[in-house]
């Protein structure tokens, strides 16, 4: 049974925390296709998530502060589990 695998258990926890599928696959060292299969077959462990804003306003403010303190987009993106382009958009919108 898949549920005894450490990577499955970790993926389930990260899914519940709201992390992106790409990031979960990376963190669990599994193929994203494997994760997609798990989320489809084991819906009780991977319930559908509500569509949400990628980062809330508090997190966006933290992104701006981290960027102003000299952190690079990729470092900030890794911290929040999002793509570096997301960070770039937040920073650019703040500068406008």
N, C-alpha and C. Protein backbone atom coordinates (compact mmCIF):
# COMPACT_ATOMS: atom_id res chain seq x y z
N UNK A 1 0.84 -1.19 0.00
CA UNK A 1 0.00 0.00 0.00
C UNK A 1 0.88 1.24 0.00
N UNK A 2 0.53 2.20 -0.77
CA UNK A 2 1.31 3.42 -0.94
C UNK A 2 1.42 4.22 0.35
N UNK A 3 0.41 4.18 1.19
CA UNK A 3 0.35 5.08 2.35
C UNK A 3 1.45 4.88 3.38
N UNK A 4 2.20 3.79 3.31
CA UNK A 4 3.28 3.57 4.27
C UNK A 4 4.59 4.20 3.83
N UNK A 5 4.67 4.66 2.60
CA UNK A 5 5.89 5.26 2.11
C UNK A 5 6.13 6.61 2.77
N UNK A 6 7.35 6.87 3.22
CA UNK A 6 7.64 8.18 3.83
C UNK A 6 7.36 9.34 2.87
N UNK A 7 7.65 9.17 1.58
CA UNK A 7 7.41 10.25 0.62
C UNK A 7 5.92 10.54 0.47
N UNK A 8 5.10 9.50 0.56
CA UNK A 8 3.65 9.67 0.48
C UNK A 8 3.13 10.45 1.68
N UNK A 9 3.60 10.08 2.85
CA UNK A 9 3.18 10.75 4.09
C UNK A 9 3.61 12.21 4.08
N UNK A 10 4.84 12.47 3.65
CA UNK A 10 5.33 13.84 3.59
C UNK A 10 4.53 14.64 2.55
N UNK A 11 4.24 14.03 1.41
CA UNK A 11 3.46 14.71 0.37
C UNK A 11 2.07 15.07 0.89
N UNK A 12 1.48 14.17 1.64
CA UNK A 12 0.15 14.41 2.20
C UNK A 12 0.19 15.60 3.16
N UNK A 13 1.20 15.69 3.99
CA UNK A 13 1.33 16.81 4.93
C UNK A 13 1.55 18.13 4.20
N UNK A 14 2.40 18.11 3.18
CA UNK A 14 2.68 19.33 2.42
C UNK A 14 1.45 19.77 1.63
N UNK A 15 0.70 18.80 1.12
CA UNK A 15 -0.54 19.11 0.39
C UNK A 15 -1.51 19.84 1.32
N UNK A 16 -1.64 19.33 2.53
CA UNK A 16 -2.54 19.93 3.51
C UNK A 16 -2.11 21.35 3.86
N UNK A 17 -0.80 21.60 3.86
CA UNK A 17 -0.30 22.94 4.18
C UNK A 17 -0.52 23.93 3.04
N UNK A 18 -0.89 23.43 1.85
CA UNK A 18 -1.18 24.30 0.73
C UNK A 18 -0.05 24.50 -0.24
N UNK A 19 1.02 23.74 -0.10
CA UNK A 19 2.17 23.87 -0.98
C UNK A 19 1.81 23.45 -2.41
N UNK A 20 2.47 24.02 -3.39
CA UNK A 20 2.20 23.70 -4.79
C UNK A 20 2.64 22.26 -5.12
N UNK A 21 2.01 21.69 -6.14
CA UNK A 21 2.34 20.32 -6.53
C UNK A 21 3.80 20.21 -6.97
N UNK A 22 4.26 21.18 -7.71
CA UNK A 22 5.65 21.15 -8.18
C UNK A 22 6.62 21.15 -7.00
N UNK A 23 6.33 21.98 -6.03
CA UNK A 23 7.21 22.07 -4.86
C UNK A 23 7.13 20.79 -4.02
N UNK A 24 5.95 20.22 -3.87
CA UNK A 24 5.79 18.97 -3.12
C UNK A 24 6.60 17.87 -3.79
N UNK A 25 6.49 17.76 -5.11
CA UNK A 25 7.24 16.73 -5.83
C UNK A 25 8.74 16.90 -5.60
N UNK A 26 9.20 18.15 -5.63
CA UNK A 26 10.61 18.43 -5.40
C UNK A 26 11.02 18.05 -3.97
N UNK A 27 10.24 18.50 -2.99
CA UNK A 27 10.56 18.24 -1.58
C UNK A 27 10.55 16.75 -1.24
N UNK A 28 9.66 15.99 -1.90
CA UNK A 28 9.53 14.55 -1.61
C UNK A 28 10.39 13.70 -2.53
N UNK A 29 11.11 14.35 -3.45
CA UNK A 29 11.97 13.65 -4.40
C UNK A 29 11.18 12.59 -5.18
N UNK A 30 10.04 13.03 -5.71
CA UNK A 30 9.22 12.15 -6.53
C UNK A 30 8.88 12.86 -7.84
N UNK A 31 8.47 12.09 -8.82
CA UNK A 31 8.05 12.64 -10.10
C UNK A 31 6.69 13.30 -9.91
N UNK A 32 6.47 14.43 -10.57
CA UNK A 32 5.19 15.13 -10.43
C UNK A 32 4.04 14.26 -10.92
N UNK A 33 4.30 13.38 -11.88
CA UNK A 33 3.25 12.47 -12.35
C UNK A 33 2.82 11.51 -11.25
N UNK A 34 3.75 11.09 -10.42
CA UNK A 34 3.43 10.23 -9.29
C UNK A 34 2.52 10.97 -8.32
N UNK A 35 2.85 12.21 -8.03
CA UNK A 35 2.03 13.02 -7.13
C UNK A 35 0.64 13.24 -7.73
N UNK A 36 0.57 13.52 -9.01
CA UNK A 36 -0.72 13.70 -9.67
C UNK A 36 -1.57 12.44 -9.52
N UNK A 37 -0.96 11.29 -9.71
CA UNK A 37 -1.66 10.01 -9.54
C UNK A 37 -2.18 9.85 -8.11
N UNK A 38 -1.32 10.13 -7.14
CA UNK A 38 -1.73 10.00 -5.74
C UNK A 38 -2.92 10.91 -5.43
N UNK A 39 -2.87 12.15 -5.92
CA UNK A 39 -3.96 13.09 -5.62
C UNK A 39 -5.25 12.66 -6.27
N UNK A 40 -5.16 11.95 -7.37
CA UNK A 40 -6.36 11.48 -8.06
C UNK A 40 -6.93 10.22 -7.42
N UNK A 41 -6.06 9.26 -7.14
CA UNK A 41 -6.50 7.96 -6.61
C UNK A 41 -6.83 8.02 -5.12
N UNK A 42 -6.11 8.81 -4.37
CA UNK A 42 -6.29 8.88 -2.91
C UNK A 42 -6.89 10.23 -2.51
N UNK A 43 -8.07 10.50 -3.02
CA UNK A 43 -8.73 11.78 -2.77
C UNK A 43 -9.00 12.02 -1.28
N UNK A 44 -9.15 10.96 -0.52
CA UNK A 44 -9.39 11.14 0.92
C UNK A 44 -8.16 11.73 1.62
N UNK A 45 -6.98 11.46 1.10
CA UNK A 45 -5.75 12.02 1.67
C UNK A 45 -5.34 13.34 1.03
N UNK A 46 -5.82 13.58 -0.19
CA UNK A 46 -5.49 14.79 -0.93
C UNK A 46 -6.78 15.48 -1.38
N UNK A 47 -7.51 16.07 -0.45
CA UNK A 47 -8.78 16.70 -0.82
C UNK A 47 -8.57 17.90 -1.72
N UNK A 48 -9.59 18.18 -2.52
CA UNK A 48 -9.52 19.35 -3.41
C UNK A 48 -9.32 20.60 -2.57
N UNK A 49 -8.50 21.49 -3.08
CA UNK A 49 -8.24 22.73 -2.37
C UNK A 49 -9.01 23.86 -3.01
N UNK A 50 -9.44 24.79 -2.18
CA UNK A 50 -10.12 25.97 -2.70
C UNK A 50 -9.11 26.84 -3.41
N UNK A 51 -9.56 27.46 -4.47
CA UNK A 51 -8.71 28.40 -5.20
C UNK A 51 -8.40 29.55 -4.25
N UNK A 52 -7.15 29.91 -4.17
CA UNK A 52 -6.76 30.97 -3.25
C UNK A 52 -5.71 31.86 -3.89
N UNK A 53 -5.56 33.03 -3.34
CA UNK A 53 -4.49 33.91 -3.77
C UNK A 53 -3.19 33.22 -3.41
N UNK A 54 -2.23 33.32 -4.29
CA UNK A 54 -0.96 32.64 -4.07
C UNK A 54 -0.34 33.04 -2.74
N UNK A 55 -0.27 34.33 -2.48
CA UNK A 55 0.26 34.81 -1.21
C UNK A 55 -0.71 35.85 -0.65
N UNK A 56 -0.97 35.77 0.64
CA UNK A 56 -1.86 36.77 1.25
C UNK A 56 -1.11 38.08 1.45
N UNK A 57 -1.81 39.11 1.88
CA UNK A 57 -1.21 40.44 1.98
C UNK A 57 -0.04 40.48 2.97
N UNK A 58 -0.16 39.74 4.06
CA UNK A 58 0.94 39.69 5.03
C UNK A 58 2.19 39.08 4.40
N UNK A 59 2.00 38.00 3.65
CA UNK A 59 3.13 37.36 2.98
C UNK A 59 3.72 38.27 1.91
N UNK A 60 2.85 38.98 1.19
CA UNK A 60 3.33 39.92 0.17
C UNK A 60 4.20 41.01 0.79
N UNK A 61 3.78 41.50 1.95
CA UNK A 61 4.59 42.51 2.65
C UNK A 61 5.94 41.93 3.06
N UNK A 62 5.94 40.68 3.49
CA UNK A 62 7.19 40.04 3.87
C UNK A 62 8.09 39.86 2.65
N UNK A 63 7.50 39.54 1.50
CA UNK A 63 8.26 39.42 0.25
C UNK A 63 8.96 40.74 -0.04
N UNK A 64 8.22 41.85 0.06
CA UNK A 64 8.79 43.17 -0.20
C UNK A 64 9.93 43.46 0.76
N UNK A 65 9.73 43.17 2.04
CA UNK A 65 10.77 43.41 3.05
C UNK A 65 12.02 42.57 2.78
N UNK A 66 11.82 41.30 2.43
CA UNK A 66 12.95 40.42 2.14
C UNK A 66 13.71 40.91 0.91
N UNK A 67 12.96 41.34 -0.10
CA UNK A 67 13.62 41.85 -1.30
C UNK A 67 14.40 43.12 -0.99
N UNK A 68 13.80 44.01 -0.22
CA UNK A 68 14.47 45.26 0.16
C UNK A 68 15.71 45.01 1.01
N UNK A 69 15.73 43.88 1.74
CA UNK A 69 16.89 43.56 2.56
C UNK A 69 18.00 42.89 1.76
N UNK A 70 17.73 42.64 0.45
CA UNK A 70 18.79 42.12 -0.41
C UNK A 70 18.64 40.68 -0.85
N UNK A 71 17.59 39.99 -0.44
CA UNK A 71 17.39 38.61 -0.88
C UNK A 71 17.03 38.58 -2.35
N UNK A 72 17.48 37.55 -3.04
CA UNK A 72 17.17 37.36 -4.46
C UNK A 72 15.79 36.72 -4.62
N UNK A 73 15.19 36.93 -5.80
CA UNK A 73 13.86 36.39 -6.08
C UNK A 73 13.79 34.88 -5.80
N UNK A 74 14.79 34.14 -6.26
CA UNK A 74 14.75 32.68 -6.10
C UNK A 74 14.79 32.27 -4.63
N UNK A 75 15.58 32.96 -3.83
CA UNK A 75 15.64 32.65 -2.40
C UNK A 75 14.29 32.89 -1.73
N UNK A 76 13.66 33.99 -2.09
CA UNK A 76 12.35 34.33 -1.52
C UNK A 76 11.31 33.31 -2.01
N UNK A 77 11.38 32.98 -3.28
CA UNK A 77 10.44 32.00 -3.86
C UNK A 77 10.56 30.66 -3.15
N UNK A 78 11.77 30.22 -2.88
CA UNK A 78 11.98 28.95 -2.17
C UNK A 78 11.38 29.00 -0.77
N UNK A 79 11.50 30.13 -0.13
CA UNK A 79 10.96 30.29 1.23
C UNK A 79 9.44 30.12 1.25
N UNK A 80 8.76 30.65 0.22
CA UNK A 80 7.30 30.61 0.18
C UNK A 80 6.73 29.47 -0.67
N UNK A 81 7.60 28.73 -1.36
CA UNK A 81 7.13 27.62 -2.18
C UNK A 81 6.39 28.06 -3.43
N UNK A 82 6.83 29.18 -4.01
CA UNK A 82 6.23 29.69 -5.24
C UNK A 82 7.33 29.88 -6.29
N UNK A 83 6.93 30.20 -7.50
CA UNK A 83 7.90 30.44 -8.57
C UNK A 83 8.52 31.82 -8.41
N UNK A 84 9.75 31.95 -8.87
CA UNK A 84 10.44 33.25 -8.73
C UNK A 84 9.73 34.35 -9.51
N UNK A 85 9.03 34.01 -10.59
CA UNK A 85 8.28 35.02 -11.34
C UNK A 85 7.15 35.61 -10.50
N UNK A 86 6.58 34.82 -9.62
CA UNK A 86 5.55 35.31 -8.71
C UNK A 86 6.12 36.40 -7.82
N UNK A 87 7.32 36.16 -7.33
CA UNK A 87 7.99 37.14 -6.48
C UNK A 87 8.28 38.42 -7.27
N UNK A 88 8.75 38.24 -8.51
CA UNK A 88 9.03 39.39 -9.36
C UNK A 88 7.80 40.25 -9.61
N UNK A 89 6.66 39.60 -9.82
CA UNK A 89 5.41 40.34 -10.04
C UNK A 89 5.02 41.14 -8.80
N UNK A 90 5.16 40.53 -7.64
CA UNK A 90 4.83 41.22 -6.40
C UNK A 90 5.73 42.45 -6.21
N UNK A 91 7.02 42.27 -6.45
CA UNK A 91 7.97 43.37 -6.29
C UNK A 91 7.68 44.49 -7.29
N UNK A 92 7.44 44.12 -8.55
CA UNK A 92 7.16 45.14 -9.57
C UNK A 92 5.88 45.89 -9.27
N UNK A 93 4.83 45.18 -8.83
CA UNK A 93 3.56 45.85 -8.50
C UNK A 93 3.74 46.81 -7.35
N UNK A 94 4.62 46.48 -6.42
CA UNK A 94 4.87 47.36 -5.27
C UNK A 94 5.61 48.62 -5.69
N UNK A 95 6.46 48.51 -6.70
CA UNK A 95 7.27 49.65 -7.14
C UNK A 95 6.49 50.61 -8.02
N UNK A 96 5.33 50.19 -8.52
CA UNK A 96 4.52 51.06 -9.40
C UNK A 96 3.74 52.09 -8.62
